[in-house]
Structure formats: structure tokens, C-alpha cells
N, C-alpha and C. Protein backbone atom coordinates (compact mmCIF):
# COMPACT_ATOMS: atom_id res chain seq x y z
N UNK A 1 26.06 9.51 -0.20
CA UNK A 1 25.50 9.23 -1.58
C UNK A 1 25.12 7.64 -1.72
N UNK A 2 23.93 7.52 -2.16
CA UNK A 2 23.54 6.09 -2.39
C UNK A 2 24.21 5.30 -3.36
N UNK A 3 24.28 4.03 -3.31
CA UNK A 3 24.83 3.21 -4.29
C UNK A 3 23.84 3.13 -5.42
N UNK A 4 24.44 2.69 -6.64
CA UNK A 4 23.44 2.50 -7.88
C UNK A 4 22.57 1.35 -7.42
N UNK A 5 23.08 0.27 -6.81
CA UNK A 5 22.32 -0.83 -6.38
C UNK A 5 21.00 -0.39 -5.49
N UNK A 6 21.32 0.38 -4.67
CA UNK A 6 20.24 0.92 -3.77
C UNK A 6 19.41 1.86 -4.52
N UNK A 7 19.83 2.88 -5.44
CA UNK A 7 19.04 3.58 -6.18
C UNK A 7 18.08 2.99 -6.91
N UNK A 8 18.64 1.96 -7.62
CA UNK A 8 17.73 0.93 -8.49
C UNK A 8 16.66 0.32 -7.74
N UNK A 9 16.96 -0.23 -6.57
CA UNK A 9 15.96 -0.84 -5.76
C UNK A 9 14.96 0.15 -5.23
N UNK A 10 15.40 1.30 -4.76
CA UNK A 10 14.38 2.39 -4.36
C UNK A 10 13.47 2.68 -5.54
N UNK A 11 14.05 2.84 -6.74
CA UNK A 11 13.22 3.15 -8.07
C UNK A 11 12.27 1.99 -8.17
N UNK A 12 12.66 0.79 -8.05
CA UNK A 12 11.70 -0.24 -8.14
C UNK A 12 10.56 -0.15 -7.27
N UNK A 13 10.87 0.28 -6.01
CA UNK A 13 9.70 0.38 -4.88
C UNK A 13 8.85 1.46 -5.23
N UNK A 14 9.51 2.64 -5.77
CA UNK A 14 8.58 3.79 -6.11
C UNK A 14 7.56 3.29 -7.18
N UNK A 15 8.03 2.52 -8.22
CA UNK A 15 7.18 2.28 -9.25
C UNK A 15 6.00 1.22 -8.67
N UNK A 16 6.62 0.24 -7.66
CA UNK A 16 5.60 -0.68 -7.26
C UNK A 16 4.65 0.06 -6.36
N UNK A 17 4.96 1.07 -5.62
CA UNK A 17 3.99 1.86 -4.80
C UNK A 17 2.95 2.37 -5.70
N UNK A 18 3.30 2.99 -6.87
CA UNK A 18 2.46 3.52 -7.96
C UNK A 18 1.51 2.50 -8.34
N UNK A 19 2.04 1.29 -8.55
CA UNK A 19 1.26 0.06 -9.08
C UNK A 19 0.21 -0.19 -7.93
N UNK A 20 0.84 -0.19 -6.69
CA UNK A 20 -0.09 -0.53 -5.51
C UNK A 20 -1.35 0.38 -5.61
N UNK A 21 -0.99 1.74 -5.70
CA UNK A 21 -2.22 2.64 -5.75
C UNK A 21 -3.24 2.27 -6.89
N UNK A 22 -2.70 1.95 -8.03
CA UNK A 22 -3.52 1.46 -9.16
C UNK A 22 -4.32 0.17 -8.92
N UNK A 23 -3.66 -0.66 -8.14
CA UNK A 23 -4.26 -1.96 -7.85
C UNK A 23 -5.43 -1.67 -6.89
N UNK A 24 -5.30 -0.76 -5.95
CA UNK A 24 -6.34 -0.43 -5.06
C UNK A 24 -7.42 0.36 -5.60
N UNK A 25 -7.10 1.10 -6.59
CA UNK A 25 -8.24 1.79 -7.32
C UNK A 25 -9.08 0.81 -8.12
N UNK A 26 -8.50 -0.23 -8.62
CA UNK A 26 -9.12 -1.42 -9.44
C UNK A 26 -10.04 -1.96 -8.33
N UNK A 27 -9.64 -2.26 -7.10
CA UNK A 27 -10.38 -2.84 -6.15
C UNK A 27 -11.58 -1.89 -5.69
N UNK A 28 -11.26 -0.63 -5.70
CA UNK A 28 -12.42 0.32 -5.41
C UNK A 28 -13.45 0.34 -6.38
N UNK A 29 -12.97 0.13 -7.66
CA UNK A 29 -13.88 0.16 -8.81
C UNK A 29 -14.80 -1.15 -8.75
N UNK A 30 -14.23 -2.30 -8.32
CA UNK A 30 -15.08 -3.48 -8.25
C UNK A 30 -16.11 -3.24 -7.06
N UNK A 31 -15.63 -2.76 -6.05
CA UNK A 31 -16.57 -2.65 -4.84
C UNK A 31 -17.76 -1.51 -5.28
N UNK A 32 -17.42 -0.58 -5.93
CA UNK A 32 -18.35 0.49 -6.38
C UNK A 32 -19.40 -0.23 -7.33
N UNK A 33 -18.97 -1.11 -8.23
CA UNK A 33 -19.73 -1.83 -9.20
C UNK A 33 -20.69 -2.77 -8.40
N UNK A 34 -20.34 -3.25 -7.26
CA UNK A 34 -21.20 -3.98 -6.41
C UNK A 34 -22.08 -3.23 -5.36
N UNK A 35 -22.11 -1.87 -5.60
CA UNK A 35 -22.93 -0.94 -4.75
C UNK A 35 -22.47 -1.08 -3.40
N UNK A 36 -21.14 -1.08 -2.99
CA UNK A 36 -20.64 -1.25 -1.68
C UNK A 36 -19.70 -0.04 -1.56
N UNK A 37 -20.30 1.07 -1.40
CA UNK A 37 -19.57 2.38 -1.47
C UNK A 37 -18.58 2.56 -0.24
N UNK A 38 -18.84 1.91 0.84
CA UNK A 38 -17.98 1.81 1.98
C UNK A 38 -16.59 1.24 1.69
N UNK A 39 -16.80 -0.10 1.05
CA UNK A 39 -15.67 -0.79 0.76
C UNK A 39 -14.85 0.08 -0.39
N UNK A 40 -15.60 0.62 -1.29
CA UNK A 40 -14.84 1.52 -2.35
C UNK A 40 -14.12 2.58 -1.65
N UNK A 41 -14.66 3.18 -0.60
CA UNK A 41 -14.11 4.21 0.08
C UNK A 41 -12.79 3.78 0.71
N UNK A 42 -12.82 2.66 1.29
CA UNK A 42 -11.57 1.93 1.98
C UNK A 42 -10.51 1.80 1.03
N UNK A 43 -10.72 1.39 -0.22
CA UNK A 43 -9.78 1.22 -1.25
C UNK A 43 -9.31 2.45 -1.75
N UNK A 44 -10.27 3.41 -1.97
CA UNK A 44 -9.69 4.79 -2.38
C UNK A 44 -8.75 5.44 -1.53
N UNK A 45 -9.04 5.35 -0.09
CA UNK A 45 -8.11 5.83 0.87
C UNK A 45 -6.81 5.04 0.79
N UNK A 46 -6.93 3.71 0.59
CA UNK A 46 -5.75 2.79 0.64
C UNK A 46 -4.90 3.32 -0.77
N UNK A 47 -5.51 3.58 -1.87
CA UNK A 47 -4.85 4.16 -2.92
C UNK A 47 -4.05 5.48 -2.78
N UNK A 48 -4.67 6.34 -1.92
CA UNK A 48 -4.09 7.57 -1.54
C UNK A 48 -2.79 7.18 -0.71
N UNK A 49 -2.95 6.28 0.30
CA UNK A 49 -1.78 6.09 1.16
C UNK A 49 -0.64 5.54 0.26
N UNK A 50 -0.99 4.65 -0.77
CA UNK A 50 0.22 4.16 -1.67
C UNK A 50 0.86 5.23 -2.37
N UNK A 51 0.03 6.18 -2.79
CA UNK A 51 0.65 7.47 -3.57
C UNK A 51 1.53 8.24 -2.63
N UNK A 52 1.09 8.37 -1.29
CA UNK A 52 2.03 9.08 -0.24
C UNK A 52 3.39 8.21 -0.16
N UNK A 53 3.14 6.87 -0.07
CA UNK A 53 4.29 6.09 0.01
C UNK A 53 5.30 6.19 -1.15
N UNK A 54 4.74 6.20 -2.33
CA UNK A 54 5.53 6.50 -3.58
C UNK A 54 6.34 7.66 -3.46
N UNK A 55 5.64 8.78 -3.10
CA UNK A 55 6.27 10.05 -3.03
C UNK A 55 7.31 10.22 -1.93
N UNK A 56 7.02 9.51 -0.83
CA UNK A 56 7.95 9.53 0.39
C UNK A 56 9.37 8.84 -0.14
N UNK A 57 9.21 7.74 -0.91
CA UNK A 57 10.49 7.24 -1.54
C UNK A 57 11.17 8.35 -2.61
N UNK A 58 10.24 8.79 -3.42
CA UNK A 58 10.61 9.70 -4.45
C UNK A 58 11.38 10.83 -3.93
N UNK A 59 10.86 11.57 -2.87
CA UNK A 59 11.53 12.63 -2.28
C UNK A 59 12.94 12.18 -1.65
N UNK A 60 12.81 11.15 -0.98
CA UNK A 60 14.16 10.49 -0.42
C UNK A 60 15.34 10.41 -1.40
N UNK A 61 14.99 9.78 -2.60
CA UNK A 61 15.96 9.47 -3.64
C UNK A 61 16.62 10.93 -3.86
N UNK A 62 15.78 11.95 -4.20
CA UNK A 62 16.28 13.28 -4.52
C UNK A 62 17.01 13.84 -3.26
N UNK A 63 16.54 13.65 -2.18
CA UNK A 63 17.26 14.21 -0.91
C UNK A 63 18.67 13.69 -0.85
N UNK A 64 18.82 12.42 -1.27
CA UNK A 64 20.18 11.68 -1.38
C UNK A 64 20.88 11.84 -2.68
N UNK A 65 20.46 12.83 -3.55
CA UNK A 65 21.15 13.26 -4.80
C UNK A 65 21.07 12.11 -5.79
N UNK A 66 20.02 11.32 -5.78
CA UNK A 66 19.86 10.21 -6.78
C UNK A 66 18.82 10.73 -7.80
N UNK A 67 18.36 9.96 -8.80
CA UNK A 67 17.51 10.23 -9.76
C UNK A 67 16.35 9.13 -9.67
N UNK A 68 15.19 9.64 -9.94
CA UNK A 68 14.04 8.69 -10.07
C UNK A 68 13.72 8.28 -11.44
N UNK A 69 13.51 7.03 -11.62
CA UNK A 69 13.16 6.64 -13.05
C UNK A 69 11.86 5.98 -12.96
N UNK A 70 10.79 6.54 -13.63
CA UNK A 70 9.45 6.00 -13.54
C UNK A 70 9.28 5.11 -14.73
N UNK A 71 8.53 4.08 -14.55
CA UNK A 71 8.33 2.95 -15.49
C UNK A 71 6.82 2.90 -15.86
N UNK A 72 6.44 2.14 -16.85
CA UNK A 72 5.05 1.84 -17.08
C UNK A 72 4.41 1.13 -15.91
N UNK A 73 3.22 1.46 -15.69
CA UNK A 73 2.49 0.69 -14.53
C UNK A 73 1.66 -0.40 -15.25
N UNK A 74 1.84 -1.49 -14.55
CA UNK A 74 1.18 -2.68 -15.13
C UNK A 74 -0.39 -2.63 -14.91
N UNK A 75 -1.20 -3.24 -15.73
CA UNK A 75 -2.56 -3.20 -15.54
C UNK A 75 -2.91 -4.10 -14.36
N UNK A 76 -3.81 -3.51 -13.35
CA UNK A 76 -4.08 -4.38 -12.22
C UNK A 76 -5.15 -5.41 -12.36
N UNK A 77 -5.28 -6.32 -11.52
CA UNK A 77 -6.51 -7.29 -11.75
C UNK A 77 -7.81 -6.55 -11.52
N UNK A 78 -8.67 -6.83 -12.40
CA UNK A 78 -10.06 -6.23 -12.48
C UNK A 78 -11.18 -6.99 -11.99
N UNK A 79 -11.08 -8.23 -12.09
CA UNK A 79 -12.23 -9.08 -11.87
C UNK A 79 -11.97 -9.95 -10.47
N UNK A 80 -13.06 -9.99 -9.69
CA UNK A 80 -12.98 -10.48 -8.35
C UNK A 80 -14.31 -11.28 -8.18
N UNK A 81 -14.20 -12.25 -7.35
CA UNK A 81 -15.45 -13.11 -7.15
C UNK A 81 -16.27 -12.49 -6.06
N UNK A 82 -15.70 -11.82 -5.05
CA UNK A 82 -16.60 -11.20 -3.96
C UNK A 82 -15.59 -10.38 -3.12
N UNK A 83 -16.16 -9.77 -2.14
CA UNK A 83 -15.24 -8.88 -1.25
C UNK A 83 -14.32 -9.66 -0.49
N UNK A 84 -14.54 -10.98 -0.19
CA UNK A 84 -13.59 -11.71 0.45
C UNK A 84 -12.31 -11.87 -0.56
N UNK A 85 -12.67 -12.25 -1.68
CA UNK A 85 -11.45 -12.34 -2.68
C UNK A 85 -10.84 -11.04 -2.82
N UNK A 86 -11.49 -10.00 -2.86
CA UNK A 86 -10.67 -8.69 -2.88
C UNK A 86 -9.82 -8.53 -1.82
N UNK A 87 -10.24 -8.70 -0.63
CA UNK A 87 -9.40 -8.45 0.57
C UNK A 87 -8.31 -9.55 0.74
N UNK A 88 -8.61 -10.78 0.30
CA UNK A 88 -7.49 -11.66 0.37
C UNK A 88 -6.33 -11.41 -0.55
N UNK A 89 -6.75 -10.89 -1.70
CA UNK A 89 -5.72 -10.37 -2.70
C UNK A 89 -5.06 -9.15 -2.17
N UNK A 90 -5.80 -8.23 -1.57
CA UNK A 90 -5.21 -7.04 -1.10
C UNK A 90 -4.07 -7.45 0.08
N UNK A 91 -4.48 -8.40 0.84
CA UNK A 91 -3.68 -8.98 1.91
C UNK A 91 -2.41 -9.43 1.33
N UNK A 92 -2.61 -10.30 0.37
CA UNK A 92 -1.51 -10.94 -0.40
C UNK A 92 -0.52 -9.85 -0.99
N UNK A 93 -1.16 -8.72 -1.53
CA UNK A 93 -0.43 -7.68 -1.95
C UNK A 93 0.47 -6.97 -0.99
N UNK A 94 -0.19 -6.84 0.10
CA UNK A 94 0.54 -6.07 1.27
C UNK A 94 1.70 -7.00 1.73
N UNK A 95 1.62 -8.34 1.75
CA UNK A 95 2.73 -9.18 2.12
C UNK A 95 3.66 -9.06 1.20
N UNK A 96 3.46 -8.93 -0.18
CA UNK A 96 4.45 -8.75 -1.09
C UNK A 96 5.20 -7.36 -0.96
N UNK A 97 4.38 -6.37 -0.54
CA UNK A 97 5.00 -5.07 -0.30
C UNK A 97 6.05 -5.22 0.93
N UNK A 98 5.64 -5.93 1.96
CA UNK A 98 6.37 -6.18 3.18
C UNK A 98 7.62 -6.79 2.63
N UNK A 99 7.52 -7.84 1.82
CA UNK A 99 8.70 -8.66 1.29
C UNK A 99 9.74 -7.70 0.67
N UNK A 100 9.22 -6.83 -0.17
CA UNK A 100 9.95 -5.73 -0.90
C UNK A 100 10.80 -4.81 0.03
N UNK A 101 10.03 -4.43 0.98
CA UNK A 101 10.66 -3.42 1.83
C UNK A 101 11.58 -4.07 2.74
N UNK A 102 11.44 -5.42 3.18
CA UNK A 102 12.49 -6.06 3.79
C UNK A 102 13.75 -6.20 2.85
N UNK A 103 13.51 -6.57 1.67
CA UNK A 103 14.55 -6.57 0.65
C UNK A 103 15.43 -5.32 0.67
N UNK A 104 14.74 -4.24 0.66
CA UNK A 104 15.35 -2.85 0.61
C UNK A 104 16.26 -2.76 1.93
N UNK A 105 15.55 -3.13 3.06
CA UNK A 105 16.32 -2.97 4.30
C UNK A 105 17.56 -3.91 4.39
N UNK A 106 17.40 -5.04 3.78
CA UNK A 106 18.56 -5.95 3.70
C UNK A 106 19.64 -5.19 2.95
N UNK A 107 19.45 -4.58 1.71
CA UNK A 107 20.42 -3.91 1.08
C UNK A 107 20.87 -2.80 1.80
N UNK A 108 20.07 -1.98 2.37
CA UNK A 108 20.62 -0.79 3.27
C UNK A 108 21.60 -1.29 4.40
N UNK A 109 21.16 -2.35 5.08
CA UNK A 109 21.93 -2.92 6.07
C UNK A 109 23.27 -3.39 5.56
N UNK A 110 23.40 -4.10 4.46
CA UNK A 110 24.53 -4.67 3.90
C UNK A 110 25.60 -3.37 3.48
N UNK A 111 24.95 -2.27 3.10
CA UNK A 111 25.73 -1.12 2.64
C UNK A 111 25.93 -0.14 3.73
N UNK A 112 25.30 -0.46 5.02
CA UNK A 112 25.45 0.47 6.12
C UNK A 112 25.07 1.89 5.77
N UNK A 113 24.00 1.87 5.13
CA UNK A 113 23.28 3.19 4.72
C UNK A 113 22.37 3.47 5.73
N UNK A 114 22.83 4.14 6.62
CA UNK A 114 21.95 4.42 7.97
C UNK A 114 20.74 5.28 7.68
N UNK A 115 20.85 6.34 6.76
CA UNK A 115 19.69 7.19 6.60
C UNK A 115 18.55 6.44 5.81
N UNK A 116 18.93 5.42 5.02
CA UNK A 116 17.99 4.57 4.35
C UNK A 116 17.31 3.62 5.36
N UNK A 117 18.12 3.08 6.23
CA UNK A 117 17.63 2.23 7.29
C UNK A 117 16.65 2.92 8.20
N UNK A 118 16.96 4.21 8.46
CA UNK A 118 15.89 4.99 9.09
C UNK A 118 14.62 5.25 8.55
N UNK A 119 14.70 5.55 7.11
CA UNK A 119 13.49 5.55 6.32
C UNK A 119 12.61 4.25 6.26
N UNK A 120 13.39 3.32 6.21
CA UNK A 120 12.79 1.92 5.94
C UNK A 120 12.18 1.48 7.24
N UNK A 121 12.60 1.81 8.40
CA UNK A 121 12.01 1.51 9.68
C UNK A 121 10.52 2.07 9.85
N UNK A 122 10.29 3.24 9.19
CA UNK A 122 9.06 3.75 9.22
C UNK A 122 8.16 2.88 8.21
N UNK A 123 8.64 2.45 7.14
CA UNK A 123 7.83 1.57 6.09
C UNK A 123 7.59 0.20 6.83
N UNK A 124 8.54 -0.38 7.52
CA UNK A 124 8.41 -1.64 8.26
C UNK A 124 7.29 -1.56 9.19
N UNK A 125 7.33 -0.50 9.97
CA UNK A 125 6.23 -0.25 10.97
C UNK A 125 4.90 -0.23 10.23
N UNK A 126 4.79 0.56 9.20
CA UNK A 126 3.62 0.86 8.31
C UNK A 126 3.09 -0.58 7.94
N UNK A 127 3.87 -1.37 7.50
CA UNK A 127 3.58 -2.64 6.93
C UNK A 127 2.85 -3.50 7.98
N UNK A 128 3.44 -3.49 9.24
CA UNK A 128 2.69 -4.35 10.24
C UNK A 128 1.24 -3.87 10.36
N UNK A 129 1.03 -2.49 10.22
CA UNK A 129 -0.37 -1.95 10.41
C UNK A 129 -1.18 -2.37 9.25
N UNK A 130 -0.58 -2.37 7.94
CA UNK A 130 -1.31 -2.60 6.80
C UNK A 130 -1.81 -4.08 6.80
N UNK A 131 -0.86 -4.97 7.04
CA UNK A 131 -1.15 -6.35 7.04
C UNK A 131 -2.32 -6.70 8.06
N UNK A 132 -2.22 -6.15 9.22
CA UNK A 132 -3.11 -6.29 10.31
C UNK A 132 -4.47 -5.76 9.97
N UNK A 133 -4.58 -4.62 9.32
CA UNK A 133 -5.85 -4.00 8.79
C UNK A 133 -6.58 -5.01 7.81
N UNK A 134 -5.78 -5.44 6.86
CA UNK A 134 -6.42 -6.42 5.96
C UNK A 134 -6.81 -7.71 6.64
N UNK A 135 -5.92 -8.22 7.55
CA UNK A 135 -6.30 -9.46 8.13
C UNK A 135 -7.68 -9.33 9.04
N UNK A 136 -7.73 -8.30 9.61
CA UNK A 136 -9.01 -8.10 10.53
C UNK A 136 -10.15 -8.02 9.71
N UNK A 137 -10.06 -7.25 8.60
CA UNK A 137 -11.30 -7.09 7.70
C UNK A 137 -11.64 -8.41 7.04
N UNK A 138 -10.65 -9.28 6.76
CA UNK A 138 -10.96 -10.58 6.04
C UNK A 138 -11.68 -11.41 7.16
N UNK A 139 -11.36 -11.35 8.59
CA UNK A 139 -11.97 -12.11 9.52
C UNK A 139 -13.42 -11.62 9.57
N UNK A 140 -13.65 -10.30 9.56
CA UNK A 140 -14.98 -9.84 9.78
C UNK A 140 -15.89 -10.17 8.45
N UNK A 141 -15.19 -10.13 7.37
CA UNK A 141 -15.94 -10.69 6.19
C UNK A 141 -16.27 -12.17 6.09
N UNK A 142 -15.55 -12.89 6.62
CA UNK A 142 -15.82 -14.31 6.66
C UNK A 142 -17.03 -14.54 7.66
N UNK A 143 -16.95 -13.91 8.83
CA UNK A 143 -18.04 -13.91 9.71
C UNK A 143 -19.34 -13.47 9.15
N UNK A 144 -19.33 -12.43 8.28
CA UNK A 144 -20.47 -11.74 7.70
C UNK A 144 -20.89 -12.48 6.38
N UNK A 145 -20.17 -13.53 5.92
CA UNK A 145 -20.43 -14.08 4.69
C UNK A 145 -21.89 -14.48 4.39
N UNK A 146 -22.50 -15.04 5.36
CA UNK A 146 -23.89 -15.55 5.16
C UNK A 146 -24.89 -14.61 5.79
N UNK A 147 -24.48 -13.31 6.17
CA UNK A 147 -25.25 -12.31 6.73
C UNK A 147 -25.20 -11.12 5.99
N UNK A 148 -26.14 -10.84 4.97
CA UNK A 148 -26.11 -9.58 4.31
C UNK A 148 -26.20 -8.25 5.11
N UNK A 149 -26.85 -8.24 6.19
CA UNK A 149 -26.96 -7.18 7.10
C UNK A 149 -25.64 -6.90 7.68
N UNK A 150 -24.86 -7.91 8.05
CA UNK A 150 -23.58 -7.70 8.69
C UNK A 150 -22.60 -7.11 7.51
N UNK A 151 -22.69 -7.55 6.41
CA UNK A 151 -22.00 -7.07 5.29
C UNK A 151 -22.13 -5.50 5.11
N UNK A 152 -23.36 -5.09 5.18
CA UNK A 152 -23.72 -3.72 5.06
C UNK A 152 -23.27 -2.86 6.29
N UNK A 153 -23.33 -3.48 7.47
CA UNK A 153 -22.66 -2.76 8.58
C UNK A 153 -21.27 -2.61 8.45
N UNK A 154 -20.49 -3.62 7.82
CA UNK A 154 -19.13 -3.43 7.63
C UNK A 154 -18.90 -2.47 6.56
N UNK A 155 -19.78 -2.31 5.55
CA UNK A 155 -19.71 -1.38 4.53
C UNK A 155 -19.84 0.10 5.16
N UNK A 156 -20.71 0.24 5.98
CA UNK A 156 -21.06 1.44 6.71
C UNK A 156 -19.77 1.98 7.48
N UNK A 157 -19.30 0.82 8.16
CA UNK A 157 -18.00 1.12 8.84
C UNK A 157 -16.78 1.65 8.11
N UNK A 158 -16.67 1.03 7.00
CA UNK A 158 -15.55 1.22 5.99
C UNK A 158 -15.66 2.66 5.35
N UNK A 159 -16.94 3.07 5.22
CA UNK A 159 -17.26 4.32 4.65
C UNK A 159 -16.77 5.53 5.50
N UNK A 160 -16.50 5.22 6.80
CA UNK A 160 -16.01 6.33 7.65
C UNK A 160 -14.43 6.62 7.50
N UNK A 161 -13.75 5.73 6.94
CA UNK A 161 -12.43 5.87 6.81
C UNK A 161 -12.03 7.06 6.08
N UNK A 162 -10.99 7.87 6.50
CA UNK A 162 -10.65 9.00 5.82
C UNK A 162 -9.05 8.99 5.69
N UNK A 163 -8.44 9.58 4.56
CA UNK A 163 -7.06 9.68 4.45
C UNK A 163 -6.45 10.92 5.13
N UNK A 164 -5.47 10.56 5.97
CA UNK A 164 -4.77 11.74 6.69
C UNK A 164 -3.35 11.34 6.48
N UNK A 165 -2.61 12.26 5.80
CA UNK A 165 -1.23 12.00 5.56
C UNK A 165 -0.53 12.16 6.90
N UNK A 166 0.49 11.14 7.10
CA UNK A 166 1.25 11.11 8.28
C UNK A 166 2.25 12.39 8.28
N UNK A 167 2.37 12.85 9.55
CA UNK A 167 3.29 13.97 9.64
C UNK A 167 4.82 13.35 9.89
N UNK A 168 5.57 13.45 8.76
CA UNK A 168 6.78 12.74 8.89
C UNK A 168 7.94 13.72 8.50
N UNK A 169 7.75 14.89 8.68
CA UNK A 169 8.89 15.81 8.43
C UNK A 169 8.86 16.31 7.02
N UNK A 170 10.15 16.73 6.54
CA UNK A 170 10.29 17.30 5.19
C UNK A 170 9.78 16.34 3.97
N UNK A 171 9.85 15.14 4.07
CA UNK A 171 9.55 14.08 3.11
C UNK A 171 8.05 14.06 2.92
N UNK A 172 7.21 14.49 3.86
CA UNK A 172 5.83 14.35 3.80
C UNK A 172 5.27 15.53 2.89
N UNK A 173 6.01 16.54 2.66
CA UNK A 173 5.38 17.63 1.99
C UNK A 173 4.95 17.30 0.48
């Protein structure tokens, strides 16, 4: 059975993952308003991933006989300067998610809660990929900054991204 402290921290993460999805939808809306459909697609897929993450935590809490407490979702930032600004903020957001996952891992390690440690290893690995994706796109955007053709090529590249839910066993259902 999970401790109250760990259940509370997992619930905070569940709610933050829902907020993350909302944040990425706001970024998709900005891209859409700039007629950058590929960038919008990138963020819509990102929003779907965050919903999957929230539900992975949600299912885990119930698997461990806990209860989920959903809170109000804060309004995300809606205004951005350009796509570089959007991705820099997305990168900062992913770094915050990583910090939160590490905090959960610290609690699980302190409590010797091995099943939670196992779950969080998946999320830690996921965060390495997430931060790397944002960092690479920021670098491409900076190189494309003064070249509209390069921006549209990157937009076309990001339009190809599709969401595929990871196969992770029972909690992926």
C-alpha cells in the first residue's frame, strides 16, 4: 500500500500531466493561428502524450488501492512571440516535469516503494526523450529563424508526427 505522502505526490503529478496537456493544446492553438499546421500537429500529439501519462499515473494509483483526486486545471499561457518562444517554453515545461518526476522518485526511494520506483523509471526515460526532442527542434528553429523556407520545411516535417500509445502492459489500457 502506498503512503499518504506518496499518494498525494502522485495525485499532484496526475493533475500536472493534465495541465501539461492543456498547455500543449494552447501551444497548438498558437501555431494554428500562425498557419503552421505542422507545428500545431506536433503540439496536439504532445497533448495526447500528456493525457496518456496522466492516465498511466491514474491507473497506477488505483492498482495500488489509492484514490485519485482531480483538481482544477490552471489556465495555460496563450500568447507567444514566435515558434522559438513556444518551443523554449515547452522545453522549460518539460524540465519542470522532469524535476517533478525526480521528486516522486526521491519519495519512492526514501519509502522503498519498489513498484513505484519501477513505474517512475519509465517516466524518467521518457523525460530524457522529451527534453531531447524539444532541444533539437529549438536548434532547428534557430537555424531557420531568418529563412522562411526552412521554417516551412520544418513545419512539413512536424506534420508527419503521429501519436502511438506505448505498449506498457495493463496500465496502458
